[in-house]
Amino acid sequence: MSKEADSLDIDGLLVKRQFPIQSGAIGARRRHGLAIYDRALVFPEITRSVELGEIGSLREAISFYLHSRRGVRNDVVESLNLRGTDKFGNTGRSDKKPWVDMTWKQLNSMGLDGLRDIFFTPRGFKTVESKGAGIQELVKKYDQVTHFDDDPLTTLLLARHFVMVNFVLAGDLSAGYLLKDVNMNDYPNVRWAKRIRDI
């Protein structure tokens, strides 16, 4: 086993969002209440590769364009560089070649020290499944793993499953609503940084 590893969400944490809210998680919270944090997760074995497919629809093309135009969060990168850990991206972005190439180009421009790899999400898998599978890989190789994310739903679901992993939840405009009535004492491995720059 090696030293420490950081698993890093990309959109909202390393790269700025167009709108700093978790719209999907907000919708789930409105429909299901606190029950959204209670479901069990099963993480499949994922063979990581680059899918050679192209952008497949107008909707995906718009999403790709908007993602590619996002600026990086220099304050977050500076904080992470001080940690001296092995760093891995862990994202809901597609593993299609255009997305992979754009993401690497975007992150290589930001000065993040030694990003070793990125876990992209293959077609047919949910973001939380892909992120969990990525964390699972890191747990096998490192003495300590910390996952950084700005989505409370993803963070709490993963934290309940990976009790040996530390989680840092970086706050955004929707975090207060999503964590309303959540007893954070039930998640002793989660630290909530209410401002992203304070991670």
N, C-alpha and C. Protein backbone atom coordinates (compact mmCIF):
# COMPACT_ATOMS: atom_id res chain seq x y z
N MET A 1 0.85 -1.19 0.00
CA MET A 1 0.00 0.00 0.00
C MET A 1 0.89 1.24 0.00
N SER A 2 0.39 2.28 -0.66
CA SER A 2 1.15 3.51 -0.79
C SER A 2 0.60 4.55 0.19
N LYS A 3 0.90 5.80 -0.05
CA LYS A 3 0.52 6.89 0.85
C LYS A 3 -0.92 7.31 0.65
N GLU A 4 -1.20 8.60 0.79
CA GLU A 4 -2.56 9.11 0.69
C GLU A 4 -2.96 9.44 -0.75
N ALA A 5 -4.24 9.28 -1.03
CA ALA A 5 -4.79 9.66 -2.33
C ALA A 5 -5.99 10.57 -2.13
N ASP A 6 -6.13 11.54 -3.02
CA ASP A 6 -7.31 12.40 -3.07
C ASP A 6 -8.11 12.06 -4.32
N SER A 7 -9.40 11.84 -4.13
CA SER A 7 -10.35 11.64 -5.21
C SER A 7 -11.11 12.96 -5.38
N LEU A 8 -11.02 13.54 -6.57
CA LEU A 8 -11.48 14.92 -6.76
C LEU A 8 -12.62 15.00 -7.78
N ASP A 9 -13.79 15.40 -7.31
CA ASP A 9 -14.85 15.77 -8.24
C ASP A 9 -14.33 16.91 -9.11
N ILE A 10 -14.86 17.05 -10.31
CA ILE A 10 -14.37 18.10 -11.21
C ILE A 10 -15.34 19.29 -11.26
N ASP A 11 -16.55 19.06 -11.73
CA ASP A 11 -17.48 20.17 -11.93
C ASP A 11 -18.06 20.66 -10.61
N GLY A 12 -17.82 21.93 -10.34
CA GLY A 12 -18.26 22.54 -9.09
C GLY A 12 -17.16 22.59 -8.06
N LEU A 13 -16.17 21.72 -8.18
CA LEU A 13 -15.06 21.72 -7.23
C LEU A 13 -13.81 22.29 -7.87
N LEU A 14 -13.29 21.61 -8.90
CA LEU A 14 -12.10 22.10 -9.60
C LEU A 14 -12.45 23.11 -10.68
N VAL A 15 -13.60 22.92 -11.29
CA VAL A 15 -14.05 23.76 -12.40
C VAL A 15 -15.37 24.42 -12.00
N LYS A 16 -15.49 25.69 -12.25
CA LYS A 16 -16.69 26.43 -11.85
C LYS A 16 -17.92 25.95 -12.62
N ARG A 17 -19.05 25.94 -11.93
CA ARG A 17 -20.33 25.67 -12.58
C ARG A 17 -20.90 26.96 -13.15
N GLN A 18 -21.76 26.81 -14.18
CA GLN A 18 -22.48 27.97 -14.68
C GLN A 18 -23.40 28.52 -13.58
N PHE A 19 -24.07 27.58 -12.90
CA PHE A 19 -24.95 27.94 -11.79
C PHE A 19 -24.57 27.04 -10.62
N PRO A 20 -24.11 27.61 -9.50
CA PRO A 20 -23.58 26.80 -8.40
C PRO A 20 -24.66 26.15 -7.55
N ILE A 21 -25.48 25.31 -8.19
CA ILE A 21 -26.50 24.55 -7.47
C ILE A 21 -26.53 23.13 -8.00
N GLN A 22 -27.08 22.23 -7.19
CA GLN A 22 -27.22 20.82 -7.56
C GLN A 22 -28.68 20.57 -7.93
N SER A 23 -29.04 20.88 -9.16
CA SER A 23 -30.46 20.84 -9.54
C SER A 23 -31.04 19.42 -9.46
N GLY A 24 -30.27 18.42 -9.89
CA GLY A 24 -30.78 17.05 -9.83
C GLY A 24 -31.02 16.59 -8.41
N ALA A 25 -30.08 16.89 -7.52
CA ALA A 25 -30.22 16.50 -6.12
C ALA A 25 -31.37 17.25 -5.45
N ILE A 26 -31.55 18.51 -5.82
CA ILE A 26 -32.66 19.29 -5.26
C ILE A 26 -33.99 18.65 -5.65
N GLY A 27 -34.12 18.25 -6.90
CA GLY A 27 -35.35 17.60 -7.34
C GLY A 27 -35.61 16.30 -6.59
N ALA A 28 -34.56 15.51 -6.38
CA ALA A 28 -34.70 14.25 -5.65
C ALA A 28 -35.09 14.50 -4.20
N ARG A 29 -34.51 15.53 -3.60
CA ARG A 29 -34.84 15.85 -2.21
C ARG A 29 -36.29 16.28 -2.08
N ARG A 30 -36.77 17.06 -3.03
CA ARG A 30 -38.17 17.50 -2.98
C ARG A 30 -39.13 16.32 -3.12
N ARG A 31 -38.77 15.37 -3.96
CA ARG A 31 -39.66 14.21 -4.20
C ARG A 31 -39.62 13.21 -3.07
N HIS A 32 -38.44 12.97 -2.50
CA HIS A 32 -38.27 11.84 -1.59
C HIS A 32 -37.86 12.21 -0.17
N GLY A 33 -37.57 13.49 0.07
CA GLY A 33 -37.16 13.89 1.42
C GLY A 33 -35.84 13.26 1.82
N LEU A 34 -35.68 12.99 3.11
CA LEU A 34 -34.41 12.46 3.63
C LEU A 34 -34.15 11.03 3.16
N ALA A 35 -35.17 10.38 2.61
CA ALA A 35 -34.98 9.00 2.14
C ALA A 35 -33.94 8.90 1.01
N ILE A 36 -33.65 10.03 0.35
CA ILE A 36 -32.66 9.97 -0.73
C ILE A 36 -31.27 9.60 -0.22
N TYR A 37 -31.02 9.78 1.08
CA TYR A 37 -29.69 9.49 1.63
C TYR A 37 -29.58 8.08 2.19
N ASP A 38 -30.64 7.30 2.11
CA ASP A 38 -30.66 6.01 2.80
C ASP A 38 -30.50 4.79 1.91
N ARG A 39 -30.45 4.96 0.61
CA ARG A 39 -30.42 3.76 -0.23
C ARG A 39 -29.04 3.11 -0.23
N ALA A 40 -29.05 1.79 -0.36
CA ALA A 40 -27.80 1.03 -0.41
C ALA A 40 -27.21 1.14 -1.81
N LEU A 41 -25.90 1.09 -1.88
CA LEU A 41 -25.20 1.19 -3.15
C LEU A 41 -24.41 -0.09 -3.41
N VAL A 42 -24.38 -0.47 -4.68
CA VAL A 42 -23.54 -1.58 -5.12
C VAL A 42 -22.66 -1.06 -6.24
N PHE A 43 -21.37 -1.26 -6.13
CA PHE A 43 -20.45 -0.71 -7.11
C PHE A 43 -19.91 -1.80 -8.02
N PRO A 44 -20.22 -1.70 -9.31
CA PRO A 44 -19.76 -2.71 -10.26
C PRO A 44 -18.28 -2.54 -10.56
N GLU A 45 -17.67 -3.61 -11.03
CA GLU A 45 -16.31 -3.49 -11.56
C GLU A 45 -16.41 -2.74 -12.89
N ILE A 46 -15.65 -1.69 -13.03
CA ILE A 46 -15.67 -0.90 -14.26
C ILE A 46 -14.31 -0.98 -14.93
N THR A 47 -14.32 -1.41 -16.19
CA THR A 47 -13.10 -1.39 -16.97
C THR A 47 -12.97 0.00 -17.58
N ARG A 48 -11.94 0.73 -17.16
CA ARG A 48 -11.79 2.11 -17.60
C ARG A 48 -11.11 2.15 -18.97
N SER A 49 -11.75 2.82 -19.89
CA SER A 49 -11.18 3.01 -21.23
C SER A 49 -11.80 4.26 -21.82
N VAL A 50 -11.26 4.68 -22.93
CA VAL A 50 -11.80 5.84 -23.63
C VAL A 50 -12.71 5.35 -24.74
N GLU A 51 -13.98 5.75 -24.69
CA GLU A 51 -14.92 5.37 -25.75
C GLU A 51 -14.67 6.26 -26.96
N LEU A 52 -14.58 5.64 -28.11
CA LEU A 52 -14.23 6.39 -29.31
C LEU A 52 -15.42 7.11 -29.94
N GLY A 53 -16.58 7.02 -29.33
CA GLY A 53 -17.76 7.68 -29.87
C GLY A 53 -17.65 9.19 -29.88
N GLU A 54 -18.41 9.80 -30.75
CA GLU A 54 -18.42 11.26 -30.87
C GLU A 54 -19.62 11.85 -30.11
N ILE A 55 -19.70 13.17 -30.12
CA ILE A 55 -20.85 13.85 -29.52
C ILE A 55 -22.10 13.39 -30.26
N GLY A 56 -23.12 12.92 -29.50
CA GLY A 56 -24.21 12.21 -30.15
C GLY A 56 -25.50 12.97 -30.36
N SER A 57 -25.63 14.17 -29.81
CA SER A 57 -26.89 14.89 -29.93
C SER A 57 -26.64 16.38 -29.76
N LEU A 58 -27.64 17.18 -30.13
CA LEU A 58 -27.54 18.62 -29.93
C LEU A 58 -27.43 18.95 -28.45
N ARG A 59 -28.19 18.26 -27.62
CA ARG A 59 -28.14 18.50 -26.17
C ARG A 59 -26.74 18.22 -25.62
N GLU A 60 -26.14 17.12 -26.05
CA GLU A 60 -24.79 16.81 -25.58
C GLU A 60 -23.78 17.83 -26.11
N ALA A 61 -23.98 18.28 -27.35
CA ALA A 61 -23.07 19.28 -27.93
C ALA A 61 -23.11 20.58 -27.13
N ILE A 62 -24.31 21.00 -26.72
CA ILE A 62 -24.44 22.22 -25.92
C ILE A 62 -23.77 22.03 -24.57
N SER A 63 -24.02 20.88 -23.95
CA SER A 63 -23.40 20.59 -22.66
C SER A 63 -21.88 20.58 -22.77
N PHE A 64 -21.37 19.95 -23.82
CA PHE A 64 -19.93 19.90 -24.04
C PHE A 64 -19.35 21.31 -24.18
N TYR A 65 -20.01 22.13 -24.95
CA TYR A 65 -19.54 23.50 -25.16
C TYR A 65 -19.51 24.27 -23.84
N LEU A 66 -20.59 24.17 -23.07
CA LEU A 66 -20.65 24.91 -21.81
C LEU A 66 -19.60 24.43 -20.82
N HIS A 67 -19.39 23.11 -20.76
CA HIS A 67 -18.36 22.57 -19.87
C HIS A 67 -16.97 23.05 -20.29
N SER A 68 -16.73 23.09 -21.58
CA SER A 68 -15.39 23.46 -22.06
C SER A 68 -15.06 24.93 -21.80
N ARG A 69 -16.09 25.75 -21.59
CA ARG A 69 -15.89 27.19 -21.38
C ARG A 69 -15.74 27.56 -19.91
N ARG A 70 -15.87 26.60 -19.02
CA ARG A 70 -15.83 26.91 -17.60
C ARG A 70 -14.42 27.20 -17.13
N GLY A 71 -14.32 28.17 -16.24
CA GLY A 71 -13.03 28.50 -15.65
C GLY A 71 -12.70 27.58 -14.48
N VAL A 72 -11.44 27.55 -14.13
CA VAL A 72 -10.99 26.72 -13.03
C VAL A 72 -11.04 27.49 -11.71
N ARG A 73 -11.02 26.76 -10.61
CA ARG A 73 -11.06 27.37 -9.28
C ARG A 73 -9.64 27.38 -8.71
N ASN A 74 -8.93 28.47 -8.94
CA ASN A 74 -7.53 28.55 -8.51
C ASN A 74 -7.37 28.45 -7.00
N ASP A 75 -8.34 28.97 -6.23
CA ASP A 75 -8.24 28.90 -4.78
C ASP A 75 -8.28 27.45 -4.29
N VAL A 76 -9.12 26.65 -4.91
CA VAL A 76 -9.22 25.24 -4.55
C VAL A 76 -7.95 24.49 -4.95
N VAL A 77 -7.47 24.76 -6.15
CA VAL A 77 -6.25 24.09 -6.62
C VAL A 77 -5.08 24.40 -5.69
N GLU A 78 -4.95 25.64 -5.27
CA GLU A 78 -3.86 26.01 -4.36
C GLU A 78 -3.95 25.24 -3.05
N SER A 79 -5.16 25.09 -2.52
CA SER A 79 -5.34 24.34 -1.27
C SER A 79 -4.98 22.87 -1.44
N LEU A 80 -5.42 22.30 -2.54
CA LEU A 80 -5.16 20.88 -2.78
C LEU A 80 -3.68 20.61 -3.01
N ASN A 81 -3.00 21.52 -3.67
CA ASN A 81 -1.56 21.33 -3.92
C ASN A 81 -0.75 21.27 -2.63
N LEU A 82 -1.25 21.89 -1.59
CA LEU A 82 -0.55 21.88 -0.30
C LEU A 82 -0.61 20.52 0.39
N ARG A 83 -1.50 19.66 -0.08
CA ARG A 83 -1.73 18.39 0.63
C ARG A 83 -0.64 17.33 0.37
N GLY A 84 0.07 17.42 -0.74
CA GLY A 84 1.13 16.46 -1.00
C GLY A 84 0.65 15.03 -1.18
N THR A 85 -0.54 14.87 -1.72
CA THR A 85 -1.13 13.54 -1.94
C THR A 85 -1.11 13.18 -3.42
N ASP A 86 -1.35 11.90 -3.72
CA ASP A 86 -1.59 11.50 -5.10
C ASP A 86 -3.03 11.90 -5.44
N LYS A 87 -3.21 12.54 -6.58
CA LYS A 87 -4.52 13.11 -6.90
C LYS A 87 -5.12 12.45 -8.14
N PHE A 88 -6.43 12.17 -8.05
CA PHE A 88 -7.18 11.53 -9.13
C PHE A 88 -8.47 12.30 -9.35
N GLY A 89 -8.78 12.62 -10.60
CA GLY A 89 -10.09 13.17 -10.91
C GLY A 89 -11.13 12.06 -10.80
N ASN A 90 -12.36 12.42 -10.42
CA ASN A 90 -13.43 11.44 -10.27
C ASN A 90 -14.72 12.15 -10.64
N THR A 91 -15.21 11.90 -11.85
CA THR A 91 -16.21 12.80 -12.43
C THR A 91 -17.37 12.06 -13.08
N GLY A 92 -18.48 12.77 -13.16
CA GLY A 92 -19.63 12.27 -13.90
C GLY A 92 -19.52 12.53 -15.40
N ARG A 93 -18.46 13.19 -15.82
CA ARG A 93 -18.30 13.44 -17.26
C ARG A 93 -18.13 12.12 -18.03
N SER A 94 -18.61 12.15 -19.24
CA SER A 94 -18.57 10.98 -20.12
C SER A 94 -17.15 10.54 -20.42
N ASP A 95 -16.99 9.23 -20.68
CA ASP A 95 -15.68 8.71 -21.08
C ASP A 95 -15.48 8.71 -22.60
N LYS A 96 -16.36 9.43 -23.32
CA LYS A 96 -16.15 9.58 -24.77
C LYS A 96 -14.90 10.41 -25.03
N LYS A 97 -14.21 10.11 -26.11
CA LYS A 97 -12.93 10.74 -26.40
C LYS A 97 -12.99 12.28 -26.41
N PRO A 98 -14.00 12.91 -27.02
CA PRO A 98 -14.03 14.38 -26.98
C PRO A 98 -14.09 14.92 -25.55
N TRP A 99 -14.86 14.28 -24.67
CA TRP A 99 -14.95 14.72 -23.28
C TRP A 99 -13.63 14.48 -22.55
N VAL A 100 -13.03 13.33 -22.78
CA VAL A 100 -11.77 13.01 -22.11
C VAL A 100 -10.68 14.00 -22.52
N ASP A 101 -10.57 14.24 -23.84
CA ASP A 101 -9.53 15.17 -24.33
C ASP A 101 -9.75 16.58 -23.81
N MET A 102 -11.01 17.04 -23.85
CA MET A 102 -11.31 18.39 -23.37
C MET A 102 -11.02 18.52 -21.88
N THR A 103 -11.38 17.52 -21.10
CA THR A 103 -11.19 17.59 -19.65
C THR A 103 -9.71 17.62 -19.28
N TRP A 104 -8.91 16.76 -19.91
CA TRP A 104 -7.47 16.78 -19.63
C TRP A 104 -6.85 18.12 -20.01
N LYS A 105 -7.26 18.66 -21.15
CA LYS A 105 -6.74 19.96 -21.57
C LYS A 105 -7.13 21.04 -20.55
N GLN A 106 -8.37 20.99 -20.09
CA GLN A 106 -8.87 21.96 -19.12
C GLN A 106 -8.08 21.87 -17.81
N LEU A 107 -7.88 20.66 -17.31
CA LEU A 107 -7.22 20.48 -16.03
C LEU A 107 -5.71 20.69 -16.11
N ASN A 108 -5.11 20.36 -17.25
CA ASN A 108 -3.67 20.57 -17.39
C ASN A 108 -3.31 22.05 -17.38
N SER A 109 -4.30 22.90 -17.66
CA SER A 109 -4.04 24.33 -17.70
C SER A 109 -4.12 24.98 -16.33
N MET A 110 -4.50 24.22 -15.30
CA MET A 110 -4.86 24.83 -14.03
C MET A 110 -3.78 24.75 -12.97
N GLY A 111 -2.70 24.03 -13.21
CA GLY A 111 -1.62 23.99 -12.25
C GLY A 111 -1.81 23.02 -11.11
N LEU A 112 -2.71 22.04 -11.29
CA LEU A 112 -2.90 21.03 -10.26
C LEU A 112 -1.73 20.05 -10.32
N ASP A 113 -1.00 19.93 -9.22
CA ASP A 113 0.22 19.13 -9.22
C ASP A 113 -0.07 17.64 -9.39
N GLY A 114 0.48 17.07 -10.44
CA GLY A 114 0.55 15.62 -10.60
C GLY A 114 -0.76 14.88 -10.61
N LEU A 115 -1.75 15.32 -11.37
CA LEU A 115 -2.99 14.56 -11.47
C LEU A 115 -2.69 13.24 -12.17
N ARG A 116 -2.85 12.14 -11.46
CA ARG A 116 -2.37 10.85 -11.96
C ARG A 116 -3.33 10.21 -12.97
N ASP A 117 -4.62 10.39 -12.76
CA ASP A 117 -5.60 9.78 -13.67
C ASP A 117 -6.95 10.42 -13.39
N ILE A 118 -7.90 10.16 -14.27
CA ILE A 118 -9.27 10.63 -14.08
C ILE A 118 -10.21 9.45 -14.28
N PHE A 119 -11.13 9.24 -13.34
CA PHE A 119 -12.18 8.25 -13.48
C PHE A 119 -13.37 8.93 -14.14
N PHE A 120 -13.58 8.65 -15.43
CA PHE A 120 -14.75 9.15 -16.15
C PHE A 120 -15.90 8.16 -15.99
N THR A 121 -17.11 8.58 -16.33
CA THR A 121 -18.28 7.73 -16.17
C THR A 121 -18.67 7.09 -17.50
N PRO A 122 -18.59 5.77 -17.59
CA PRO A 122 -18.96 5.09 -18.84
C PRO A 122 -20.47 5.14 -19.08
N ARG A 123 -20.85 5.00 -20.32
CA ARG A 123 -22.27 4.95 -20.68
C ARG A 123 -22.94 3.79 -19.96
N GLY A 124 -24.13 4.03 -19.44
CA GLY A 124 -24.88 2.99 -18.74
C GLY A 124 -24.68 2.98 -17.23
N PHE A 125 -23.78 3.81 -16.74
CA PHE A 125 -23.53 3.89 -15.30
C PHE A 125 -23.94 5.26 -14.77
N LYS A 126 -24.45 5.27 -13.54
CA LYS A 126 -24.76 6.53 -12.88
C LYS A 126 -23.47 7.14 -12.32
N THR A 127 -23.48 8.45 -12.14
CA THR A 127 -22.31 9.14 -11.62
C THR A 127 -21.87 8.56 -10.28
N VAL A 128 -22.82 8.35 -9.36
CA VAL A 128 -22.46 7.85 -8.03
C VAL A 128 -21.86 6.46 -8.12
N GLU A 129 -22.30 5.65 -9.08
CA GLU A 129 -21.73 4.31 -9.26
C GLU A 129 -20.29 4.40 -9.74
N SER A 130 -20.05 5.27 -10.71
CA SER A 130 -18.71 5.41 -11.26
C SER A 130 -17.76 6.00 -10.22
N LYS A 131 -18.22 7.02 -9.50
CA LYS A 131 -17.37 7.61 -8.46
C LYS A 131 -17.06 6.61 -7.37
N GLY A 132 -18.07 5.84 -6.97
CA GLY A 132 -17.85 4.83 -5.94
C GLY A 132 -16.88 3.76 -6.39
N ALA A 133 -16.99 3.33 -7.64
CA ALA A 133 -16.05 2.34 -8.17
C ALA A 133 -14.64 2.89 -8.20
N GLY A 134 -14.50 4.20 -8.51
CA GLY A 134 -13.19 4.83 -8.49
C GLY A 134 -12.60 4.86 -7.09
N ILE A 135 -13.41 5.23 -6.11
CA ILE A 135 -12.96 5.25 -4.72
C ILE A 135 -12.57 3.84 -4.28
N GLN A 136 -13.36 2.87 -4.69
CA GLN A 136 -13.07 1.47 -4.35
C GLN A 136 -11.70 1.04 -4.86
N GLU A 137 -11.35 1.47 -6.08
CA GLU A 137 -10.02 1.17 -6.62
C GLU A 137 -8.93 1.80 -5.77
N LEU A 138 -9.14 3.04 -5.35
CA LEU A 138 -8.12 3.75 -4.58
C LEU A 138 -7.93 3.14 -3.19
N VAL A 139 -9.03 2.69 -2.58
CA VAL A 139 -8.96 2.10 -1.25
C VAL A 139 -8.07 0.85 -1.26
N LYS A 140 -8.06 0.14 -2.37
CA LYS A 140 -7.23 -1.06 -2.47
C LYS A 140 -5.74 -0.74 -2.56
N LYS A 141 -5.41 0.50 -2.97
CA LYS A 141 -4.02 0.84 -3.27
C LYS A 141 -3.39 1.81 -2.27
N TYR A 142 -4.23 2.51 -1.48
CA TYR A 142 -3.72 3.56 -0.62
C TYR A 142 -4.13 3.33 0.83
N ASP A 143 -3.26 3.79 1.75
CA ASP A 143 -3.55 3.69 3.18
C ASP A 143 -4.70 4.59 3.58
N GLN A 144 -4.77 5.77 2.95
CA GLN A 144 -5.83 6.73 3.27
C GLN A 144 -6.34 7.39 2.00
N VAL A 145 -7.66 7.49 1.87
CA VAL A 145 -8.30 8.12 0.72
C VAL A 145 -9.24 9.21 1.22
N THR A 146 -9.20 10.37 0.56
CA THR A 146 -10.13 11.45 0.85
C THR A 146 -10.83 11.83 -0.45
N HIS A 147 -12.14 11.87 -0.42
CA HIS A 147 -12.91 12.29 -1.60
C HIS A 147 -13.46 13.69 -1.36
N PHE A 148 -13.25 14.58 -2.33
CA PHE A 148 -13.74 15.95 -2.29
C PHE A 148 -14.87 16.11 -3.31
N ASP A 149 -16.00 16.67 -2.89
CA ASP A 149 -17.14 16.80 -3.79
C ASP A 149 -17.98 18.00 -3.35
N ASP A 150 -18.77 18.55 -4.28
CA ASP A 150 -19.67 19.65 -3.91
C ASP A 150 -21.13 19.22 -3.92
N ASP A 151 -21.40 17.93 -4.12
CA ASP A 151 -22.77 17.43 -4.16
C ASP A 151 -23.08 16.68 -2.87
N PRO A 152 -23.95 17.23 -2.00
CA PRO A 152 -24.27 16.55 -0.75
C PRO A 152 -24.86 15.16 -0.95
N LEU A 153 -25.71 14.98 -1.96
CA LEU A 153 -26.32 13.68 -2.17
C LEU A 153 -25.27 12.62 -2.47
N THR A 154 -24.41 12.91 -3.44
CA THR A 154 -23.33 11.96 -3.78
C THR A 154 -22.44 11.72 -2.57
N THR A 155 -22.06 12.79 -1.88
CA THR A 155 -21.14 12.67 -0.76
C THR A 155 -21.70 11.80 0.36
N LEU A 156 -22.94 12.04 0.77
CA LEU A 156 -23.50 11.29 1.89
C LEU A 156 -23.76 9.83 1.53
N LEU A 157 -24.19 9.59 0.30
CA LEU A 157 -24.38 8.19 -0.13
C LEU A 157 -23.05 7.43 -0.10
N LEU A 158 -22.01 8.06 -0.63
CA LEU A 158 -20.71 7.40 -0.66
C LEU A 158 -20.12 7.28 0.75
N ALA A 159 -20.30 8.29 1.58
CA ALA A 159 -19.73 8.28 2.93
C ALA A 159 -20.33 7.17 3.78
N ARG A 160 -21.59 6.91 3.61
CA ARG A 160 -22.22 5.84 4.38
C ARG A 160 -21.69 4.48 3.95
N HIS A 161 -21.33 4.35 2.69
CA HIS A 161 -20.80 3.07 2.19
C HIS A 161 -19.33 2.91 2.54
N PHE A 162 -18.54 3.97 2.33
CA PHE A 162 -17.09 3.91 2.56
C PHE A 162 -16.75 4.57 3.89
N VAL A 163 -16.97 3.84 4.97
CA VAL A 163 -16.78 4.44 6.29
C VAL A 163 -15.30 4.66 6.60
N MET A 164 -14.41 4.01 5.85
CA MET A 164 -12.97 4.16 6.08
C MET A 164 -12.37 5.32 5.29
N VAL A 165 -13.18 5.97 4.46
CA VAL A 165 -12.73 7.07 3.61
C VAL A 165 -13.16 8.39 4.23
N ASN A 166 -12.30 9.40 4.15
CA ASN A 166 -12.67 10.75 4.57
C ASN A 166 -13.33 11.47 3.40
N PHE A 167 -14.34 12.26 3.71
CA PHE A 167 -15.04 13.04 2.69
C PHE A 167 -15.03 14.51 3.08
N VAL A 168 -14.78 15.37 2.09
CA VAL A 168 -14.88 16.80 2.29
C VAL A 168 -15.97 17.31 1.35
N LEU A 169 -17.03 17.83 1.93
CA LEU A 169 -18.16 18.36 1.16
C LEU A 169 -17.98 19.86 1.05
N ALA A 170 -17.74 20.32 -0.17
CA ALA A 170 -17.54 21.75 -0.42
C ALA A 170 -18.89 22.40 -0.69
N GLY A 171 -19.24 23.38 0.10
CA GLY A 171 -20.56 23.98 0.01
C GLY A 171 -20.80 24.76 -1.27
N ASP A 172 -22.03 24.74 -1.74
CA ASP A 172 -22.46 25.61 -2.83
C ASP A 172 -23.82 26.20 -2.42
N LEU A 173 -24.49 26.88 -3.32
CA LEU A 173 -25.72 27.57 -2.96
C LEU A 173 -26.85 26.63 -2.56
N SER A 174 -26.78 25.37 -2.96
CA SER A 174 -27.87 24.44 -2.66
C SER A 174 -27.59 23.56 -1.45
N ALA A 175 -26.37 23.60 -0.91
CA ALA A 175 -25.99 22.67 0.15
C ALA A 175 -26.86 22.83 1.39
N GLY A 176 -27.15 24.08 1.79
CA GLY A 176 -27.96 24.30 2.98
C GLY A 176 -29.32 23.63 2.88
N TYR A 177 -29.96 23.75 1.73
CA TYR A 177 -31.27 23.11 1.54
C TYR A 177 -31.13 21.60 1.55
N LEU A 178 -30.14 21.08 0.85
CA LEU A 178 -29.99 19.63 0.73
C LEU A 178 -29.63 18.98 2.07
N LEU A 179 -28.97 19.73 2.95
CA LEU A 179 -28.57 19.17 4.24
C LEU A 179 -29.53 19.54 5.37
N LYS A 180 -30.61 20.24 5.05
CA LYS A 180 -31.60 20.61 6.06
C LYS A 180 -32.15 19.35 6.72
N ASP A 181 -32.14 19.33 8.04
CA ASP A 181 -32.64 18.23 8.86
C ASP A 181 -31.78 16.96 8.79
N VAL A 182 -30.65 17.02 8.08
CA VAL A 182 -29.72 15.88 8.08
C VAL A 182 -28.87 15.97 9.34
N ASN A 183 -28.78 14.89 10.08
CA ASN A 183 -27.93 14.84 11.27
C ASN A 183 -26.52 14.48 10.82
N MET A 184 -25.66 15.46 10.75
CA MET A 184 -24.30 15.21 10.26
C MET A 184 -23.49 14.35 11.22
N ASN A 185 -23.97 14.18 12.47
CA ASN A 185 -23.30 13.25 13.38
C ASN A 185 -23.41 11.81 12.90
N ASP A 186 -24.36 11.56 12.00
CA ASP A 186 -24.49 10.22 11.40
C ASP A 186 -23.42 9.96 10.35
N TYR A 187 -22.67 11.01 10.03
CA TYR A 187 -21.63 10.91 8.99
C TYR A 187 -20.31 11.44 9.57
N PRO A 188 -19.71 10.71 10.51
CA PRO A 188 -18.50 11.20 11.18
C PRO A 188 -17.30 11.32 10.25
N ASN A 189 -17.37 10.70 9.09
CA ASN A 189 -16.25 10.78 8.13
C ASN A 189 -16.44 11.89 7.10
N VAL A 190 -17.44 12.78 7.32
CA VAL A 190 -17.69 13.89 6.39
C VAL A 190 -17.40 15.21 7.10
N ARG A 191 -16.61 16.05 6.44
CA ARG A 191 -16.41 17.42 6.91
C ARG A 191 -17.06 18.36 5.91
N TRP A 192 -17.93 19.24 6.38
CA TRP A 192 -18.63 20.18 5.51
C TRP A 192 -17.92 21.51 5.55
N ALA A 193 -17.29 21.87 4.44
CA ALA A 193 -16.68 23.18 4.27
C ALA A 193 -17.74 24.07 3.62
N LYS A 194 -18.32 24.98 4.37
CA LYS A 194 -19.48 25.72 3.88
C LYS A 194 -19.14 26.65 2.73
N ARG A 195 -17.85 27.01 2.60
CA ARG A 195 -17.41 27.76 1.44
C ARG A 195 -16.38 26.90 0.70
N ILE A 196 -16.52 26.79 -0.61
CA ILE A 196 -15.64 25.90 -1.38
C ILE A 196 -14.17 26.27 -1.17
N ARG A 197 -13.90 27.55 -1.05
CA ARG A 197 -12.49 27.95 -0.93
C ARG A 197 -11.88 27.52 0.41
N ASP A 198 -12.72 27.05 1.34
CA ASP A 198 -12.21 26.66 2.66
C ASP A 198 -11.93 25.16 2.78
N ILE A 199 -11.87 24.46 1.68
CA ILE A 199 -11.65 23.02 1.79
C ILE A 199 -10.27 22.72 2.34
